[in-house]
C-alpha atoms as a PDB file:
ATOM      1  CA  MET A   1     -13.364 -10.216  16.763  1.00  0.00           C
ATOM      2  CA  ASN A   2      -9.560 -10.714  16.843  1.00  0.00           C
ATOM      3  CA  GLY A   3      -8.039 -13.630  14.984  1.00  0.00           C
ATOM      4  CA  ASP A   4      -6.091 -14.684  11.933  1.00  0.00           C
ATOM      5  CA  TRP A   5      -7.043 -12.778   8.811  1.00  0.00           C
ATOM      6  CA  THR A   6      -6.119 -14.048   5.362  1.00  0.00           C
ATOM      7  CA  GLU A   7      -3.907 -11.740   3.329  1.00  0.00           C
ATOM      8  CA  ILE A   8      -3.816 -12.143  -0.464  1.00  0.00           C
ATOM      9  CA  ARG A   9      -1.049 -10.270  -2.261  1.00  0.00           C
ATOM     10  CA  TYR A  10      -1.397  -9.480  -5.962  1.00  0.00           C
ATOM     11  CA  LYS A  11       1.847  -8.438  -7.666  1.00  0.00           C
ATOM     12  CA  ILE A  12       1.091  -6.513 -10.849  1.00  0.00           C
ATOM     13  CA  PRO A  13       2.815  -4.167 -13.310  1.00  0.00           C
ATOM     14  CA  VAL A  14       2.273  -0.564 -12.180  1.00  0.00           C
ATOM     15  CA  ARG A  15       0.198   0.219 -15.285  1.00  0.00           C
ATOM     16  CA  TYR A  16      -2.533  -2.078 -13.950  1.00  0.00           C
ATOM     17  CA  LEU A  17      -2.660  -0.549 -10.462  1.00  0.00           C
ATOM     18  CA  ASP A  18      -5.793   1.590 -10.795  1.00  0.00           C
ATOM     19  CA  VAL A  19      -7.946  -1.171 -12.272  1.00  0.00           C
ATOM     20  CA  THR A  20      -6.611  -3.739  -9.771  1.00  0.00           C
ATOM     21  CA  ALA A  21      -7.292  -1.488  -6.791  1.00  0.00           C
ATOM     22  CA  SER A  22     -10.812  -0.767  -8.068  1.00  0.00           C
ATOM     23  CA  ILE A  23     -11.552  -4.480  -8.477  1.00  0.00           C
ATOM     24  CA  ALA A  24     -10.095  -5.220  -5.035  1.00  0.00           C
ATOM     25  CA  GLU A  25     -12.293  -2.615  -3.370  1.00  0.00           C
ATOM     26  CA  MET A  26     -15.352  -4.252  -4.929  1.00  0.00           C
ATOM     27  CA  CYS A  27     -14.287  -7.759  -3.928  1.00  0.00           C
ATOM     28  CA  VAL A  28     -13.584  -7.411  -0.220  1.00  0.00           C
ATOM     29  CA  SER A  29     -14.868  -5.517   2.794  1.00  0.00           C
ATOM     30  CA  GLY A  30     -11.750  -5.975   4.937  1.00  0.00           C
ATOM     31  CA  GLY A  31      -9.784  -3.212   3.292  1.00  0.00           C
ATOM     32  CA  ILE A  32      -6.851  -3.065   0.887  1.00  0.00           C
ATOM     33  CA  TYR A  33      -3.277  -1.861   1.135  1.00  0.00           C
ATOM     34  CA  VAL A  34      -1.206  -0.822  -1.893  1.00  0.00           C
ATOM     35  CA  GLU A  35       2.576  -0.851  -2.270  1.00  0.00           C
ATOM     36  CA  ASP A  36       3.560   1.372  -5.192  1.00  0.00           C
ATOM     37  CA  TYR A  37       7.060   2.836  -5.265  1.00  0.00           C
ATOM     38  CA  SER A  38       7.091   3.855  -8.939  1.00  0.00           C
ATOM     39  CA  ASP A  39       7.143   7.580  -8.176  1.00  0.00           C
ATOM     40  CA  ILE A  40       8.877   7.672  -4.799  1.00  0.00           C
ATOM     41  CA  ASP A  41      11.790   9.653  -6.285  1.00  0.00           C
ATOM     42  CA  ARG A  42       9.420  12.512  -7.089  1.00  0.00           C
ATOM     43  CA  TYR A  43       8.162  12.668  -3.495  1.00  0.00           C
ATOM     44  CA  ILE A  44      11.635  12.989  -1.995  1.00  0.00           C
ATOM     45  CA  SER A  45      13.239  15.141  -4.696  1.00  0.00           C
ATOM     46  CA  ASP A  46      13.053  18.338  -2.641  1.00  0.00           C
ATOM     47  CA  PHE A  47      14.368  16.770   0.567  1.00  0.00           C
ATOM     48  CA  SER A  48      17.022  14.262   1.477  1.00  0.00           C
ATOM     49  CA  ALA A  49      15.584  10.744   1.538  1.00  0.00           C
ATOM     50  CA  ASP A  50      16.450  10.088   5.182  1.00  0.00           C
ATOM     51  CA  GLU A  51      14.309  13.040   6.279  1.00  0.00           C
ATOM     52  CA  LEU A  52      11.076  11.577   4.902  1.00  0.00           C
ATOM     53  CA  VAL A  53      11.492   7.849   4.273  1.00  0.00           C
ATOM     54  CA  SER A  54      13.021   5.071   6.351  1.00  0.00           C
ATOM     55  CA  ASP A  55      15.920   2.916   5.147  1.00  0.00           C
ATOM     56  CA  GLU A  56      13.628  -0.125   5.220  1.00  0.00           C
ATOM     57  CA  LEU A  57      11.183   1.525   2.850  1.00  0.00           C
ATOM     58  CA  MET A  58      13.938   2.600   0.466  1.00  0.00           C
ATOM     59  CA  GLU A  59      15.004  -1.043   0.271  1.00  0.00           C
ATOM     60  CA  LEU A  60      11.450  -2.112  -0.515  1.00  0.00           C
ATOM     61  CA  ALA A  61      11.251   0.607  -3.143  1.00  0.00           C
ATOM     62  CA  GLY A  62      13.872  -1.078  -5.304  1.00  0.00           C
ATOM     63  CA  ASP A  63      11.182  -2.446  -7.640  1.00  0.00           C
ATOM     64  CA  ARG A  64       9.734   0.609  -9.400  1.00  0.00           C
ATOM     65  CA  ASP A  65       8.020  -1.350 -12.192  1.00  0.00           C
ATOM     66  CA  ASN A  66       5.607  -3.459 -10.134  1.00  0.00           C
ATOM     67  CA  ALA A  67       3.055  -2.773  -7.418  1.00  0.00           C
ATOM     68  CA  ILE A  68       1.523  -5.065  -4.813  1.00  0.00           C
ATOM     69  CA  VAL A  69      -2.145  -4.882  -3.837  1.00  0.00           C
ATOM     70  CA  HIS A  70      -2.852  -6.551  -0.499  1.00  0.00           C
ATOM     71  CA  ILE A  71      -6.408  -7.592   0.340  1.00  0.00           C
ATOM     72  CA  TYR A  72      -7.546  -8.809   3.737  1.00  0.00           C
ATOM     73  CA  ILE A  73     -10.237 -11.411   4.414  1.00  0.00           C
ATOM     74  CA  SER A  74     -11.770 -11.559   7.893  1.00  0.00           C
ATOM     75  CA  PRO A  75     -11.938 -14.828   9.876  1.00  0.00           C
ATOM     76  CA  GLU A  76     -15.692 -14.971   9.220  1.00  0.00           C
ATOM     77  CA  ASP A  77     -15.358 -14.864   5.412  1.00  0.00           C
ATOM     78  CA  ASN A  78     -14.265 -17.418   2.808  1.00  0.00           C
ATOM     79  CA  PRO A  79     -10.798 -16.527   1.451  1.00  0.00           C
ATOM     80  CA  ALA A  80     -10.925 -19.099  -1.365  1.00  0.00           C
ATOM     81  CA  GLU A  81     -14.150 -17.564  -2.657  1.00  0.00           C
ATOM     82  CA  ALA A  82     -12.725 -14.027  -2.498  1.00  0.00           C
ATOM     83  CA  MET A  83      -9.536 -15.109  -4.256  1.00  0.00           C
ATOM     84  CA  LEU A  84     -11.471 -16.821  -7.042  1.00  0.00           C
ATOM     85  CA  PHE A  85     -13.775 -13.813  -7.461  1.00  0.00           C
ATOM     86  CA  MET A  86     -10.830 -11.398  -7.565  1.00  0.00           C
ATOM     87  CA  SER A  87      -8.695 -13.519  -9.879  1.00  0.00           C
ATOM     88  CA  GLU A  88     -11.493 -14.054 -12.391  1.00  0.00           C
ATOM     89  CA  ARG A  89     -12.159 -10.337 -12.628  1.00  0.00           C
ATOM     90  CA  LEU A  90      -8.493  -9.527 -13.031  1.00  0.00           C
ATOM     91  CA  LYS A  91      -8.250 -12.040 -15.880  1.00  0.00           C
ATOM     92  CA  ALA A  92     -11.351 -10.548 -17.515  1.00  0.00           C
ATOM     93  CA  ALA A  93      -9.756  -7.088 -17.300  1.00  0.00           C
ATOM     94  CA  GLY A  94      -6.568  -8.367 -18.932  1.00  0.00           C
ATOM     95  CA  VAL A  95      -4.438  -7.775 -15.840  1.00  0.00           C
ATOM     96  CA  GLU A  96      -1.170  -9.695 -15.533  1.00  0.00           C
ATOM     97  CA  PHE A  97      -0.714 -10.810 -11.922  1.00  0.00           C
ATOM     98  CA  GLN A  98       0.958 -13.141  -9.461  1.00  0.00           C
ATOM     99  CA  ALA A  99      -0.949 -14.056  -6.282  1.00  0.00           C
ATOM    100  CA  GLU A 100       0.174 -15.462  -2.965  1.00  0.00           C
ATOM    101  CA  THR A 101      -1.554 -15.854   0.390  1.00  0.00           C
ATOM    102  CA  GLY A 102      -0.612 -15.591   4.023  1.00  0.00           C
ATOM    103  CA  THR A 103      -2.116 -14.821   7.408  1.00  0.00           C
ATOM    104  CA  VAL A 104      -1.962 -11.719   9.538  1.00  0.00           C
ATOM    105  CA  ARG A 105      -3.214 -10.869  13.005  1.00  0.00           C
ATOM    106  CA  GLU A 106      -5.711  -8.005  13.080  1.00  0.00           C
ATOM    107  CA  GLU A 107      -3.539  -6.031  15.474  1.00  0.00           C
ATOM    108  CA  ASP A 108      -0.510  -6.513  13.191  1.00  0.00           C
ATOM    109  CA  TRP A 109      -2.482  -5.253  10.191  1.00  0.00           C
ATOM    110  CA  ALA A 110      -3.412  -2.164  12.198  1.00  0.00           C
ATOM    111  CA  ASN A 111       0.095  -1.384  13.441  1.00  0.00           C
ATOM    112  CA  ASN A 112       2.948  -2.812  11.369  1.00  0.00           C
ATOM    113  CA  TRP A 113       2.716  -0.218   8.564  1.00  0.00           C
ATOM    114  CA  LYS A 114       3.426   2.614  11.012  1.00  0.00           C
ATOM    115  CA  GLN A 115       7.185   2.136  10.805  1.00  0.00           C
ATOM    116  CA  TYR A 116       7.276   3.495   7.250  1.00  0.00           C
ATOM    117  CA  PHE A 117       5.838   6.984   7.806  1.00  0.00           C
ATOM    118  CA  LYS A 118       7.781  10.065   8.745  1.00  0.00           C
ATOM    119  CA  PRO A 119       6.764  13.751   8.912  1.00  0.00           C
ATOM    120  CA  LEU A 120       5.522  14.911   5.511  1.00  0.00           C
ATOM    121  CA  PRO A 121       5.444  18.594   4.449  1.00  0.00           C
ATOM    122  CA  VAL A 122       2.311  19.652   2.556  1.00  0.00           C
ATOM    123  CA  GLY A 123       1.750  22.954   0.774  1.00  0.00           C
ATOM    124  CA  GLN A 124       3.436  26.068   2.166  1.00  0.00           C
ATOM    125  CA  LYS A 125       2.378  25.862   5.800  1.00  0.00           C
ATOM    126  CA  LEU A 126       1.545  22.319   6.890  1.00  0.00           C
ATOM    127  CA  ILE A 127       3.376  19.180   7.919  1.00  0.00           C
ATOM    128  CA  VAL A 128       1.646  15.854   8.640  1.00  0.00           C
ATOM    129  CA  VAL A 129       3.213  14.132  11.624  1.00  0.00           C
ATOM    130  CA  PRO A 130       2.455  10.539  12.725  1.00  0.00           C
ATOM    131  CA  SER A 131       1.394  10.366  16.342  1.00  0.00           C
ATOM    132  CA  TRP A 132       3.808   7.502  17.075  1.00  0.00           C
ATOM    133  CA  GLY A 133       6.944   9.450  16.106  1.00  0.00           C
ATOM    134  CA  ASN A 134       6.910  13.200  15.599  1.00  0.00           C
ATOM    135  CA  ASP A 135      10.552  14.214  15.229  1.00  0.00           C
ATOM    136  CA  VAL A 136      10.298  17.037  12.704  1.00  0.00           C
ATOM    137  CA  PRO A 137      13.467  18.070  10.816  1.00  0.00           C
ATOM    138  CA  ALA A 138      14.733  21.435  12.023  1.00  0.00           C
ATOM    139  CA  GLU A 139      14.230  23.093   8.627  1.00  0.00           C
ATOM    140  CA  LEU A 140      10.515  22.178   8.779  1.00  0.00           C
ATOM    141  CA  SER A 141       9.916  23.060  12.438  1.00  0.00           C
ATOM    142  CA  ASP A 142       8.096  26.325  11.640  1.00  0.00           C
ATOM    143  CA  ARG A 143       5.266  24.516   9.813  1.00  0.00           C
ATOM    144  CA  ILE A 144       1.840  23.875  11.356  1.00  0.00           C
ATOM    145  CA  GLN A 145       1.730  20.283  12.556  1.00  0.00           C
ATOM    146  CA  ILE A 146      -1.202  17.969  11.823  1.00  0.00           C
ATOM    147  CA  VAL A 147      -0.617  15.059  14.199  1.00  0.00           C
ATOM    148  CA  MET A 148      -2.416  11.993  12.839  1.00  0.00           C
ATOM    149  CA  ASP A 149      -3.084   8.410  13.831  1.00  0.00           C
ATOM    150  CA  PRO A 150      -5.024   7.097  10.812  1.00  0.00           C
ATOM    151  CA  GLY A 151      -5.546   3.636  12.298  1.00  0.00           C
ATOM    152  CA  MET A 152      -7.529   1.669   9.719  1.00  0.00           C
ATOM    153  CA  ALA A 153      -9.160   4.799   8.296  1.00  0.00           C
ATOM    154  CA  PHE A 154      -8.071   6.377   5.017  1.00  0.00           C
ATOM    155  CA  GLY A 155      -5.983   9.504   5.366  1.00  0.00           C
ATOM    156  CA  SER A 156      -2.337   9.473   6.424  1.00  0.00           C
ATOM    157  CA  GLY A 157      -1.478  12.404   4.153  1.00  0.00           C
ATOM    158  CA  GLN A 158       0.721  10.282   1.901  1.00  0.00           C
ATOM    159  CA  HIS A 159      -1.682  10.021  -1.031  1.00  0.00           C
ATOM    160  CA  ASP A 160      -1.591  12.663  -3.778  1.00  0.00           C
ATOM    161  CA  THR A 161      -5.307  13.397  -3.440  1.00  0.00           C
ATOM    162  CA  THR A 162      -5.071  14.098   0.301  1.00  0.00           C
ATOM    163  CA  ARG A 163      -2.164  16.453  -0.233  1.00  0.00           C
ATOM    164  CA  LEU A 164      -3.934  18.201  -3.126  1.00  0.00           C
ATOM    165  CA  CYS A 165      -6.983  18.793  -0.912  1.00  0.00           C
ATOM    166  CA  LEU A 166      -4.888  20.197   1.936  1.00  0.00           C
ATOM    167  CA  GLU A 167      -3.144  22.539  -0.515  1.00  0.00           C
ATOM    168  CA  MET A 168      -6.524  23.695  -1.850  1.00  0.00           C
ATOM    169  CA  ILE A 169      -7.817  24.265   1.679  1.00  0.00           C
ATOM    170  CA  GLU A 170      -4.699  26.282   2.472  1.00  0.00           C
ATOM    171  CA  SER A 171      -5.324  28.450  -0.612  1.00  0.00           C
ATOM    172  CA  HIS A 172      -9.056  29.071  -0.215  1.00  0.00           C
ATOM    173  CA  LEU A 173      -9.912  28.913   3.492  1.00  0.00           C
ATOM    174  CA  LYS A 174     -10.596  32.120   5.400  1.00  0.00           C
ATOM    175  CA  ALA A 175     -10.345  32.519   9.158  1.00  0.00           C
ATOM    176  CA  GLY A 176     -13.534  31.407  10.896  1.00  0.00           C
ATOM    177  CA  ASP A 177     -14.898  29.396   7.944  1.00  0.00           C
ATOM    178  CA  ARG A 178     -17.313  26.521   8.541  1.00  0.00           C
ATOM    179  CA  VAL A 179     -15.997  23.362   6.897  1.00  0.00           C
ATOM    180  CA  LEU A 180     -17.695  20.128   5.824  1.00  0.00           C
ATOM    181  CA  ASP A 181     -15.448  17.128   5.075  1.00  0.00           C
ATOM    182  CA  VAL A 182     -17.373  14.447   3.164  1.00  0.00           C
ATOM    183  CA  GLY A 183     -15.835  10.975   3.445  1.00  0.00           C
ATOM    184  CA  THR A 184     -13.699  12.208   6.317  1.00  0.00           C
ATOM    185  CA  GLY A 185     -11.727   8.988   6.927  1.00  0.00           C
ATOM    186  CA  SER A 186      -9.059   9.837   9.509  1.00  0.00           C
ATOM    187  CA  GLY A 187     -10.330  13.430   9.684  1.00  0.00           C
ATOM    188  CA  ILE A 188      -7.080  14.799   8.270  1.00  0.00           C
ATOM    189  CA  LEU A 189      -8.724  17.375   5.962  1.00  0.00           C
ATOM    190  CA  ALA A 190     -11.076  18.720   8.634  1.00  0.00           C
ATOM    191  CA  ILE A 191      -8.270  18.894  11.187  1.00  0.00           C
ATOM    192  CA  GLY A 192      -5.998  20.561   8.640  1.00  0.00           C
ATOM    193  CA  ALA A 193      -8.703  23.171   8.042  1.00  0.00           C
ATOM    194  CA  LEU A 194      -9.022  23.819  11.773  1.00  0.00           C
ATOM    195  CA  LYS A 195      -5.262  24.144  12.061  1.00  0.00           C
ATOM    196  CA  LEU A 196      -5.379  26.764   9.286  1.00  0.00           C
ATOM    197  CA  GLY A 197      -8.024  28.813  11.103  1.00  0.00           C
ATOM    198  CA  ALA A 198     -11.452  27.329  10.371  1.00  0.00           C
ATOM    199  CA  GLY A 199     -14.037  28.161  13.003  1.00  0.00           C
ATOM    200  CA  GLU A 200     -15.643  24.719  13.047  1.00  0.00           C
ATOM    201  CA  ALA A 201     -15.608  21.504  11.024  1.00  0.00           C
ATOM    202  CA  THR A 202     -17.972  18.603  10.442  1.00  0.00           C
ATOM    203  CA  GLY A 203     -16.766  15.253   9.153  1.00  0.00           C
ATOM    204  CA  ILE A 204     -19.139  12.662   7.725  1.00  0.00           C
ATOM    205  CA  ASP A 205     -18.317   9.087   6.735  1.00  0.00           C
ATOM    206  CA  ILE A 206     -20.341   5.968   6.017  1.00  0.00           C
ATOM    207  CA  ASP A 207     -17.799   3.879   7.975  1.00  0.00           C
ATOM    208  CA  PRO A 208     -18.377   3.921  11.777  1.00  0.00           C
ATOM    209  CA  LEU A 209     -14.685   3.145  12.351  1.00  0.00           C
ATOM    210  CA  SER A 210     -13.674   6.263  10.426  1.00  0.00           C
ATOM    211  CA  VAL A 211     -16.158   8.339  12.415  1.00  0.00           C
ATOM    212  CA  ARG A 212     -14.610   7.142  15.676  1.00  0.00           C
ATOM    213  CA  ILE A 213     -11.007   7.600  14.516  1.00  0.00           C
ATOM    214  CA  SER A 214     -11.653  11.089  13.107  1.00  0.00           C
ATOM    215  CA  ALA A 215     -13.227  12.173  16.397  1.00  0.00           C
ATOM    216  CA  GLU A 216     -10.274  10.766  18.340  1.00  0.00           C
ATOM    217  CA  ASN A 217      -7.776  12.540  16.090  1.00  0.00           C
ATOM    218  CA  ALA A 218      -9.659  15.832  16.433  1.00  0.00           C
ATOM    219  CA  ALA A 219      -9.764  15.464  20.215  1.00  0.00           C
ATOM    220  CA  ALA A 220      -6.028  14.724  20.294  1.00  0.00           C
ATOM    221  CA  SER A 221      -5.474  18.017  18.456  1.00  0.00           C
ATOM    222  CA  GLY A 222      -7.631  19.891  20.962  1.00  0.00           C
ATOM    223  CA  TYR A 223     -10.677  20.313  18.735  1.00  0.00           C
ATOM    224  CA  THR A 224     -13.309  18.394  20.687  1.00  0.00           C
ATOM    225  CA  ASP A 225     -15.612  21.431  20.679  1.00  0.00           C
ATOM    226  CA  LYS A 226     -14.912  22.474  17.086  1.00  0.00           C
ATOM    227  CA  PHE A 227     -15.203  19.118  15.302  1.00  0.00           C
ATOM    228  CA  LYS A 228     -18.380  17.089  14.850  1.00  0.00           C
ATOM    229  CA  ALA A 229     -18.246  13.543  13.453  1.00  0.00           C
ATOM    230  CA  ILE A 230     -21.341  12.072  11.757  1.00  0.00           C
ATOM    231  CA  CYS A 231     -21.963   8.553  10.466  1.00  0.00           C
ATOM    232  CA  GLY A 232     -24.012   8.884   7.305  1.00  0.00           C
ATOM    233  CA  ASP A 233     -24.260   8.612   3.528  1.00  0.00           C
ATOM    234  CA  LEU A 234     -22.412  11.406   1.728  1.00  0.00           C
ATOM    235  CA  ALA A 235     -23.950  14.801   2.438  1.00  0.00           C
ATOM    236  CA  ALA A 236     -27.585  13.655   2.456  1.00  0.00           C
ATOM    237  CA  ASP A 237     -27.489  13.379   6.265  1.00  0.00           C
ATOM    238  CA  VAL A 238     -26.066  16.882   6.818  1.00  0.00           C
ATOM    239  CA  ASP A 239     -27.880  20.171   7.334  1.00  0.00           C
ATOM    240  CA  GLY A 240     -26.636  23.740   7.538  1.00  0.00           C
ATOM    241  CA  LYS A 241     -24.428  26.006   5.481  1.00  0.00           C
ATOM    242  CA  PHE A 242     -20.669  25.648   5.004  1.00  0.00           C
ATOM    243  CA  ASP A 243     -18.063  28.028   3.614  1.00  0.00           C
ATOM    244  CA  ILE A 244     -15.800  25.171   2.519  1.00  0.00           C
ATOM    245  CA  ILE A 245     -16.993  21.713   1.459  1.00  0.00           C
ATOM    246  CA  VAL A 246     -14.254  19.198   0.681  1.00  0.00           C
ATOM    247  CA  ALA A 247     -14.651  15.658  -0.635  1.00  0.00           C
ATOM    248  CA  ASN A 248     -11.750  13.353  -1.425  1.00  0.00           C
ATOM    249  CA  ILE A 249     -13.548  10.372  -2.967  1.00  0.00           C
ATOM    250  CA  VAL A 250     -13.737   8.674  -6.363  1.00  0.00           C
ATOM    251  CA  ALA A 251     -15.167  10.456  -9.401  1.00  0.00           C
ATOM    252  CA  ASP A 252     -18.475   8.562  -9.567  1.00  0.00           C
ATOM    253  CA  ILE A 253     -19.234   9.356  -5.916  1.00  0.00           C
ATOM    254  CA  VAL A 254     -18.147  12.965  -6.371  1.00  0.00           C
ATOM    255  CA  ILE A 255     -20.655  13.307  -9.222  1.00  0.00           C
ATOM    256  CA  LYS A 256     -23.377  11.807  -7.037  1.00  0.00           C
ATOM    257  CA  LEU A 257     -22.494  14.235  -4.238  1.00  0.00           C
ATOM    258  CA  ILE A 258     -22.590  17.468  -6.273  1.00  0.00           C
ATOM    259  CA  PRO A 259     -26.391  18.119  -6.148  1.00  0.00           C
ATOM    260  CA  ASP A 260     -26.418  17.948  -2.329  1.00  0.00           C
ATOM    261  CA  THR A 261     -23.627  20.496  -2.105  1.00  0.00           C
ATOM    262  CA  VAL A 262     -25.799  23.130  -3.779  1.00  0.00           C
ATOM    263  CA  ARG A 263     -28.025  23.398  -0.689  1.00  0.00           C
ATOM    264  CA  LEU A 264     -25.096  23.151   1.737  1.00  0.00           C
ATOM    265  CA  LEU A 265     -22.593  25.618   0.289  1.00  0.00           C
ATOM    266  CA  ALA A 266     -22.841  29.126   1.721  1.00  0.00           C
ATOM    267  CA  GLU A 267     -22.923  32.144  -0.567  1.00  0.00           C
ATOM    268  CA  GLY A 268     -19.403  32.853  -1.757  1.00  0.00           C
ATOM    269  CA  GLY A 269     -18.230  29.444  -0.536  1.00  0.00           C
ATOM    270  CA  THR A 270     -15.840  26.997  -2.173  1.00  0.00           C
ATOM    271  CA  LEU A 271     -16.381  23.346  -3.045  1.00  0.00           C
ATOM    272  CA  ILE A 272     -13.124  21.336  -3.207  1.00  0.00           C
ATOM    273  CA  LEU A 273     -13.219  17.935  -4.902  1.00  0.00           C
ATOM    274  CA  SER A 274     -10.522  15.319  -5.385  1.00  0.00           C
ATOM    275  CA  GLY A 275     -10.039  11.558  -5.680  1.00  0.00           C
ATOM    276  CA  ILE A 276     -10.579  12.190  -9.398  1.00  0.00           C
ATOM    277  CA  ILE A 277      -8.262  10.537 -11.901  1.00  0.00           C
ATOM    278  CA  THR A 278      -7.347  12.973 -14.657  1.00  0.00           C
ATOM    279  CA  GLU A 279      -9.202  10.890 -17.242  1.00  0.00           C
ATOM    280  CA  ARG A 280     -12.473  11.550 -15.366  1.00  0.00           C
ATOM    281  CA  ARG A 281     -11.953  15.287 -14.877  1.00  0.00           C
ATOM    282  CA  LYS A 282     -14.206  16.254 -17.790  1.00  0.00           C
ATOM    283  CA  ASP A 283     -17.041  14.073 -16.432  1.00  0.00           C
ATOM    284  CA  VAL A 284     -16.865  15.816 -13.066  1.00  0.00           C
ATOM    285  CA  GLU A 285     -16.629  19.263 -14.648  1.00  0.00           C
ATOM    286  CA  LYS A 286     -19.719  18.510 -16.740  1.00  0.00           C
ATOM    287  CA  ALA A 287     -21.679  17.601 -13.591  1.00  0.00           C
ATOM    288  CA  LEU A 288     -20.426  20.742 -11.846  1.00  0.00           C
ATOM    289  CA  ASP A 289     -21.436  22.922 -14.784  1.00  0.00           C
ATOM    290  CA  GLY A 290     -24.913  21.358 -14.731  1.00  0.00           C
ATOM    291  CA  SER A 291     -25.314  22.399 -11.088  1.00  0.00           C
ATOM    292  CA  GLY A 292     -24.228  25.977 -11.681  1.00  0.00           C
ATOM    293  CA  TYR A 293     -20.619  25.738 -10.513  1.00  0.00           C
ATOM    294  CA  ARG A 294     -17.705  27.583 -12.058  1.00  0.00           C
ATOM    295  CA  LEU A 295     -14.026  26.678 -11.750  1.00  0.00           C
ATOM    296  CA  LYS A 296     -11.897  28.739  -9.355  1.00  0.00           C
ATOM    297  CA  ASP A 297      -8.740  26.663  -9.162  1.00  0.00           C
ATOM    298  CA  SER A 298      -7.338  23.279 -10.113  1.00  0.00           C
ATOM    299  CA  LYS A 299      -4.263  21.164  -9.421  1.00  0.00           C
ATOM    300  CA  GLU A 300      -2.988  17.901 -10.881  1.00  0.00           C
ATOM    301  CA  ARG A 301      -0.389  15.486  -9.547  1.00  0.00           C
ATOM    302  CA  GLY A 302       0.457  11.865 -10.152  1.00  0.00           C
ATOM    303  CA  GLY A 303      -2.514  11.262 -12.453  1.00  0.00           C
ATOM    304  CA  TRP A 304      -5.011  12.788  -9.983  1.00  0.00           C
ATOM    305  CA  CYS A 305      -6.697  16.172  -9.973  1.00  0.00           C
ATOM    306  CA  ALA A 306      -8.364  18.445  -7.447  1.00  0.00           C
ATOM    307  CA  LEU A 307     -10.910  21.099  -8.373  1.00  0.00           C
ATOM    308  CA  ALA A 308     -12.028  24.162  -6.418  1.00  0.00           C
ATOM    309  CA  VAL A 309     -15.321  25.635  -7.625  1.00  0.00           C
ATOM    310  CA  GLY A 310     -17.893  28.214  -6.599  1.00  0.00           C
ATOM    311  CA  ARG A 311     -21.421  29.149  -7.592  1.00  0.00           C
END
């Protein structure tokens, strides 16, 4: 159904971003969008700003101390109820916030953010290129391109955890490997693995929209026969053996996933996990140790970590 969605914007100090985003994800089913420019200087430090980020975004990035969490309420739902629910939980968590509302067309929500993304280098070999504008700077033209149209699915390559996972895949994948991407979103990790030489990839997501978008992105990259998209709950709905299993989801879900990976990971294979805030790393490592995993590699960036383990 197309129509006017309600947008509620919560302006908060950056230190409250994680708790606000977590509360927002529990409060609404229409998705959230976060504006956080606090560390944009770090992202562009190795390149000139005009190569990676538009002038419009640099203007928006003037406020480095505050973030804005946008939540979207569908025409069928009650925005006043969602706003009350969200605001009460923010107050209970001690979050300082300012809230304002507006309306947005569904098609605008899906498309307006595209103007802010430019080609983004990842690791030593890859560059993530938006499908709506793929002019790659000459000095990056020798990188392997992952052409993405995330749509409303998670995974544009901008988030630290996505980039950490792609770097881990680049480090640990061997030619011909079978890859399982749990919580595939846009399919960016599975497609990145195929670009790096994986023999086949399976992406699973509980969201039917993500399943469709990941399949479309894989087909656009020429991987119709090598990529399989499944709608299901974590890895419980998957069979077979995989040389690489990657999951970029929150720590609690990662911990829940670990037992299923034991039956799915091939001998000598690598399990790559991210979406883990550094404060929860020890909890995840404890669960991994309990399932017989041992650490192979780890990376941290921006308060997030990624772990590569084997049995």
